Amino acid sequence: MLNPEDYRTLYLPGYVLSRIGPDGNFVVLVSNKEIIGSLSDRLQRNSIRILPGDHVAVKINMFVAGHCWIVDLIDDNVEEDLDDNVEEDLDDNVEEDHD
C-alpha cells in the first residue's frame, strides 16, 4: 500500500544555477522555473558537494510552493559513455557490411 505522501511528491530533474549562502541552499531551475532547493539529509551526511552547473534530482512537495529538496546528483558522463558505445557499435557494423 502506498503512503498518502507519495501522491503529493514529485521527483524531477533540475539544474543548479547558484548557491545562496553557506547553509546549503541553492537556486535550482526545474521545468523552466527557478525555485529554492535545500540539500537532503543524505547529501549532507555524506558531504556531497553541489556546485552551480550540476544536474540534480529534486523532490518537490505539491503543497509547499517554491521549495524543493535536492536528493541526488545526475551523472552526465553516463550519457556520454553510452553515446560513444553506440557510435563504436555502428562503426563496427558498417565495416563488417563492406567486407
N, C-alpha and C. Protein backbone atom coordinates (compact mmCIF):
# COMPACT_ATOMS: atom_id res chain seq x y z
N MET A 1 0.85 -1.18 0.00
CA MET A 1 0.00 0.00 0.00
C MET A 1 0.89 1.24 0.00
N LEU A 2 0.53 2.20 -0.83
CA LEU A 2 1.31 3.42 -0.94
C LEU A 2 1.00 4.38 0.20
N ASN A 3 2.03 5.08 0.61
CA ASN A 3 1.88 6.12 1.61
C ASN A 3 1.15 7.31 0.97
N PRO A 4 0.19 7.94 1.66
CA PRO A 4 -0.51 9.09 1.06
C PRO A 4 0.44 10.21 0.66
N GLU A 5 1.59 10.32 1.32
CA GLU A 5 2.55 11.36 0.98
C GLU A 5 3.15 11.15 -0.41
N ASP A 6 3.18 9.89 -0.89
CA ASP A 6 3.72 9.60 -2.21
C ASP A 6 2.91 10.27 -3.32
N TYR A 7 1.62 10.49 -3.09
CA TYR A 7 0.78 11.12 -4.10
C TYR A 7 1.05 12.62 -4.20
N ARG A 8 1.62 13.20 -3.15
CA ARG A 8 1.83 14.64 -3.13
C ARG A 8 3.26 15.03 -3.46
N THR A 9 4.11 14.07 -3.83
CA THR A 9 5.52 14.33 -4.04
C THR A 9 5.90 14.05 -5.49
N LEU A 10 6.67 14.97 -6.08
CA LEU A 10 7.17 14.81 -7.44
C LEU A 10 8.69 14.74 -7.40
N TYR A 11 9.26 13.86 -8.22
CA TYR A 11 10.71 13.80 -8.40
C TYR A 11 11.01 14.24 -9.83
N LEU A 12 11.78 15.32 -9.97
CA LEU A 12 12.07 15.89 -11.28
C LEU A 12 13.56 16.19 -11.41
N PRO A 13 14.07 16.23 -12.64
CA PRO A 13 15.45 16.67 -12.83
C PRO A 13 15.52 18.19 -12.77
N GLY A 14 16.66 18.68 -12.31
CA GLY A 14 16.86 20.12 -12.22
C GLY A 14 18.30 20.49 -12.53
N TYR A 15 18.56 21.79 -12.56
CA TYR A 15 19.87 22.32 -12.90
C TYR A 15 20.20 23.41 -11.89
N VAL A 16 21.32 23.27 -11.17
CA VAL A 16 21.71 24.22 -10.14
C VAL A 16 22.24 25.49 -10.80
N LEU A 17 21.63 26.62 -10.48
CA LEU A 17 22.05 27.90 -11.06
C LEU A 17 23.06 28.62 -10.17
N SER A 18 22.78 28.69 -8.86
CA SER A 18 23.69 29.39 -7.95
C SER A 18 23.46 28.93 -6.52
N ARG A 19 24.40 29.29 -5.67
CA ARG A 19 24.33 28.95 -4.25
C ARG A 19 23.87 30.17 -3.48
N ILE A 20 23.03 29.95 -2.47
CA ILE A 20 22.54 31.03 -1.63
C ILE A 20 23.10 30.82 -0.23
N GLY A 21 24.11 31.57 0.14
CA GLY A 21 24.66 31.49 1.49
C GLY A 21 25.39 30.19 1.78
N PRO A 22 25.93 30.08 3.00
CA PRO A 22 26.74 28.91 3.37
C PRO A 22 25.94 27.75 3.95
N ASP A 23 24.62 27.87 4.03
CA ASP A 23 23.82 26.86 4.73
C ASP A 23 23.25 25.77 3.84
N GLY A 24 23.69 25.66 2.59
CA GLY A 24 23.25 24.56 1.73
C GLY A 24 21.99 24.83 0.95
N ASN A 25 21.67 26.09 0.71
CA ASN A 25 20.53 26.43 -0.13
C ASN A 25 21.02 26.84 -1.51
N PHE A 26 20.25 26.48 -2.53
CA PHE A 26 20.62 26.74 -3.91
C PHE A 26 19.42 27.24 -4.69
N VAL A 27 19.69 27.93 -5.79
CA VAL A 27 18.65 28.26 -6.76
C VAL A 27 18.71 27.16 -7.82
N VAL A 28 17.59 26.46 -8.03
CA VAL A 28 17.54 25.33 -8.94
C VAL A 28 16.51 25.63 -10.04
N LEU A 29 16.88 25.36 -11.28
CA LEU A 29 15.97 25.52 -12.41
C LEU A 29 15.28 24.18 -12.65
N VAL A 30 13.97 24.17 -12.42
CA VAL A 30 13.17 22.95 -12.60
C VAL A 30 11.97 23.31 -13.48
N SER A 31 11.85 22.64 -14.61
CA SER A 31 10.73 22.89 -15.54
C SER A 31 10.62 24.37 -15.88
N ASN A 32 11.76 25.00 -16.19
CA ASN A 32 11.83 26.41 -16.59
C ASN A 32 11.37 27.38 -15.50
N LYS A 33 11.41 26.95 -14.24
CA LYS A 33 11.09 27.83 -13.12
C LYS A 33 12.24 27.76 -12.11
N GLU A 34 12.59 28.91 -11.56
CA GLU A 34 13.64 28.96 -10.54
C GLU A 34 13.01 28.80 -9.17
N ILE A 35 13.49 27.81 -8.41
CA ILE A 35 12.99 27.60 -7.06
C ILE A 35 14.17 27.40 -6.12
N ILE A 36 13.92 27.57 -4.83
CA ILE A 36 14.94 27.39 -3.81
C ILE A 36 15.03 25.90 -3.49
N GLY A 37 16.26 25.39 -3.44
CA GLY A 37 16.47 23.98 -3.13
C GLY A 37 17.42 23.82 -1.96
N SER A 38 17.10 22.91 -1.06
CA SER A 38 17.95 22.59 0.09
C SER A 38 18.52 21.19 -0.08
N LEU A 39 19.68 20.95 0.49
CA LEU A 39 20.28 19.62 0.43
C LEU A 39 19.53 18.66 1.32
N SER A 40 19.32 17.44 0.84
CA SER A 40 18.68 16.42 1.66
C SER A 40 19.65 15.96 2.75
N ASP A 41 19.13 15.29 3.75
CA ASP A 41 19.95 14.82 4.86
C ASP A 41 21.04 13.86 4.39
N ARG A 42 20.72 13.01 3.43
CA ARG A 42 21.69 12.03 2.93
C ARG A 42 22.88 12.73 2.28
N LEU A 43 22.62 13.77 1.50
CA LEU A 43 23.71 14.50 0.85
C LEU A 43 24.54 15.25 1.89
N GLN A 44 23.91 15.78 2.92
CA GLN A 44 24.64 16.49 3.97
C GLN A 44 25.50 15.52 4.78
N ARG A 45 24.95 14.36 5.13
CA ARG A 45 25.70 13.38 5.93
C ARG A 45 26.93 12.87 5.20
N ASN A 46 26.81 12.67 3.89
CA ASN A 46 27.91 12.12 3.11
C ASN A 46 28.81 13.19 2.51
N SER A 47 28.61 14.44 2.89
CA SER A 47 29.43 15.58 2.44
C SER A 47 29.57 15.63 0.92
N ILE A 48 28.47 15.43 0.22
CA ILE A 48 28.48 15.51 -1.24
C ILE A 48 28.38 16.97 -1.63
N ARG A 49 29.31 17.40 -2.48
CA ARG A 49 29.35 18.81 -2.90
C ARG A 49 28.48 19.03 -4.12
N ILE A 50 27.70 20.09 -4.04
CA ILE A 50 26.87 20.52 -5.16
C ILE A 50 27.43 21.86 -5.63
N LEU A 51 27.66 21.98 -6.92
CA LEU A 51 28.20 23.20 -7.49
C LEU A 51 27.25 23.76 -8.53
N PRO A 52 27.29 25.08 -8.75
CA PRO A 52 26.48 25.64 -9.84
C PRO A 52 26.84 24.96 -11.16
N GLY A 53 25.83 24.59 -11.91
CA GLY A 53 26.04 23.88 -13.17
C GLY A 53 25.77 22.39 -13.07
N ASP A 54 25.61 21.85 -11.86
CA ASP A 54 25.34 20.42 -11.69
C ASP A 54 23.89 20.09 -12.04
N HIS A 55 23.70 18.91 -12.61
CA HIS A 55 22.36 18.38 -12.85
C HIS A 55 21.99 17.56 -11.63
N VAL A 56 20.80 17.80 -11.08
CA VAL A 56 20.39 17.16 -9.85
C VAL A 56 18.97 16.62 -9.98
N ALA A 57 18.63 15.68 -9.10
CA ALA A 57 17.26 15.21 -8.96
C ALA A 57 16.67 15.91 -7.75
N VAL A 58 15.48 16.45 -7.90
CA VAL A 58 14.86 17.18 -6.80
C VAL A 58 13.52 16.55 -6.43
N LYS A 59 13.17 16.70 -5.16
CA LYS A 59 11.90 16.21 -4.63
C LYS A 59 11.06 17.44 -4.29
N ILE A 60 9.88 17.52 -4.89
CA ILE A 60 9.01 18.68 -4.69
C ILE A 60 7.72 18.22 -4.05
N ASN A 61 7.35 18.86 -2.94
CA ASN A 61 6.06 18.61 -2.31
C ASN A 61 5.06 19.57 -2.94
N MET A 62 3.94 19.07 -3.39
CA MET A 62 2.98 19.87 -4.13
C MET A 62 2.34 20.97 -3.27
N PHE A 63 2.40 20.84 -1.94
CA PHE A 63 1.76 21.81 -1.07
C PHE A 63 2.70 22.90 -0.58
N VAL A 64 4.00 22.77 -0.88
CA VAL A 64 4.98 23.78 -0.47
C VAL A 64 5.52 24.41 -1.75
N ALA A 65 4.95 25.53 -2.13
CA ALA A 65 5.33 26.16 -3.40
C ALA A 65 6.68 26.87 -3.26
N GLY A 66 7.50 26.73 -4.30
CA GLY A 66 8.76 27.47 -4.35
C GLY A 66 9.90 26.86 -3.59
N HIS A 67 9.79 25.62 -3.14
CA HIS A 67 10.88 24.97 -2.40
C HIS A 67 10.99 23.52 -2.83
N CYS A 68 12.23 23.01 -2.85
CA CYS A 68 12.45 21.61 -3.17
C CYS A 68 13.63 21.09 -2.36
N TRP A 69 13.77 19.78 -2.32
CA TRP A 69 14.91 19.12 -1.70
C TRP A 69 15.76 18.51 -2.79
N ILE A 70 17.07 18.78 -2.76
CA ILE A 70 17.99 18.16 -3.71
C ILE A 70 18.34 16.79 -3.15
N VAL A 71 17.93 15.73 -3.85
CA VAL A 71 18.09 14.39 -3.31
C VAL A 71 19.22 13.59 -3.94
N ASP A 72 19.69 13.98 -5.15
CA ASP A 72 20.74 13.20 -5.79
C ASP A 72 21.38 13.99 -6.93
N LEU A 73 22.61 13.64 -7.26
CA LEU A 73 23.29 14.18 -8.43
C LEU A 73 22.98 13.29 -9.63
N ILE A 74 22.83 13.89 -10.80
CA ILE A 74 22.64 13.13 -12.03
C ILE A 74 23.97 13.17 -12.77
N ASP A 75 24.52 12.01 -13.08
CA ASP A 75 25.83 11.90 -13.70
C ASP A 75 25.70 12.09 -15.21
N ASP A 76 26.27 13.19 -15.73
CA ASP A 76 26.22 13.47 -17.17
C ASP A 76 27.15 12.56 -17.95
N ASN A 77 28.21 12.05 -17.33
CA ASN A 77 29.19 11.22 -18.04
C ASN A 77 28.60 9.90 -18.50
N VAL A 78 27.58 9.39 -17.81
CA VAL A 78 26.97 8.12 -18.19
C VAL A 78 26.36 8.23 -19.57
N GLU A 79 25.65 9.33 -19.85
CA GLU A 79 25.03 9.50 -21.15
C GLU A 79 26.08 9.62 -22.25
N GLU A 80 27.19 10.32 -21.97
CA GLU A 80 28.25 10.46 -22.97
C GLU A 80 28.88 9.10 -23.27
N ASP A 81 29.11 8.28 -22.23
CA ASP A 81 29.69 6.96 -22.43
C ASP A 81 28.76 6.08 -23.28
N LEU A 82 27.46 6.17 -23.02
CA LEU A 82 26.51 5.38 -23.79
C LEU A 82 26.52 5.81 -25.25
N ASP A 83 26.57 7.11 -25.49
CA ASP A 83 26.62 7.61 -26.87
C ASP A 83 27.87 7.12 -27.59
N ASP A 84 29.02 7.13 -26.91
CA ASP A 84 30.27 6.67 -27.52
C ASP A 84 30.18 5.19 -27.88
N ASN A 85 29.61 4.37 -27.00
CA ASN A 85 29.49 2.94 -27.25
C ASN A 85 28.58 2.67 -28.45
N VAL A 86 27.51 3.42 -28.58
CA VAL A 86 26.59 3.23 -29.70
C VAL A 86 27.29 3.57 -31.01
N GLU A 87 28.06 4.68 -31.03
CA GLU A 87 28.77 5.07 -32.24
C GLU A 87 29.81 4.01 -32.63
N GLU A 88 30.52 3.44 -31.64
CA GLU A 88 31.51 2.40 -31.93
C GLU A 88 30.82 1.17 -32.52
N ASP A 89 29.68 0.78 -31.97
CA ASP A 89 28.95 -0.38 -32.49
C ASP A 89 28.49 -0.13 -33.92
N LEU A 90 28.03 1.08 -34.21
CA LEU A 90 27.59 1.40 -35.56
C LEU A 90 28.77 1.34 -36.54
N ASP A 91 29.93 1.86 -36.12
CA ASP A 91 31.11 1.82 -36.98
C ASP A 91 31.53 0.38 -37.27
N ASP A 92 31.47 -0.49 -36.26
CA ASP A 92 31.84 -1.89 -36.44
C ASP A 92 30.89 -2.58 -37.43
N ASN A 93 29.60 -2.27 -37.32
CA ASN A 93 28.63 -2.89 -38.23
C ASN A 93 28.84 -2.44 -39.67
N VAL A 94 29.19 -1.19 -39.87
CA VAL A 94 29.40 -0.67 -41.22
C VAL A 94 30.62 -1.34 -41.84
N GLU A 95 31.69 -1.53 -41.05
CA GLU A 95 32.91 -2.18 -41.56
C GLU A 95 32.65 -3.64 -41.92
N GLU A 96 31.83 -4.32 -41.13
CA GLU A 96 31.52 -5.74 -41.41
C GLU A 96 30.70 -5.87 -42.68
N ASP A 97 29.81 -4.92 -42.96
CA ASP A 97 28.98 -4.99 -44.16
C ASP A 97 29.80 -4.81 -45.43
N HIS A 98 30.88 -4.04 -45.38
CA HIS A 98 31.69 -3.76 -46.55
C HIS A 98 32.67 -4.89 -46.85
N ASP A 99 32.93 -5.78 -45.90
CA ASP A 99 33.92 -6.87 -46.11
C ASP A 99 33.40 -7.95 -47.01
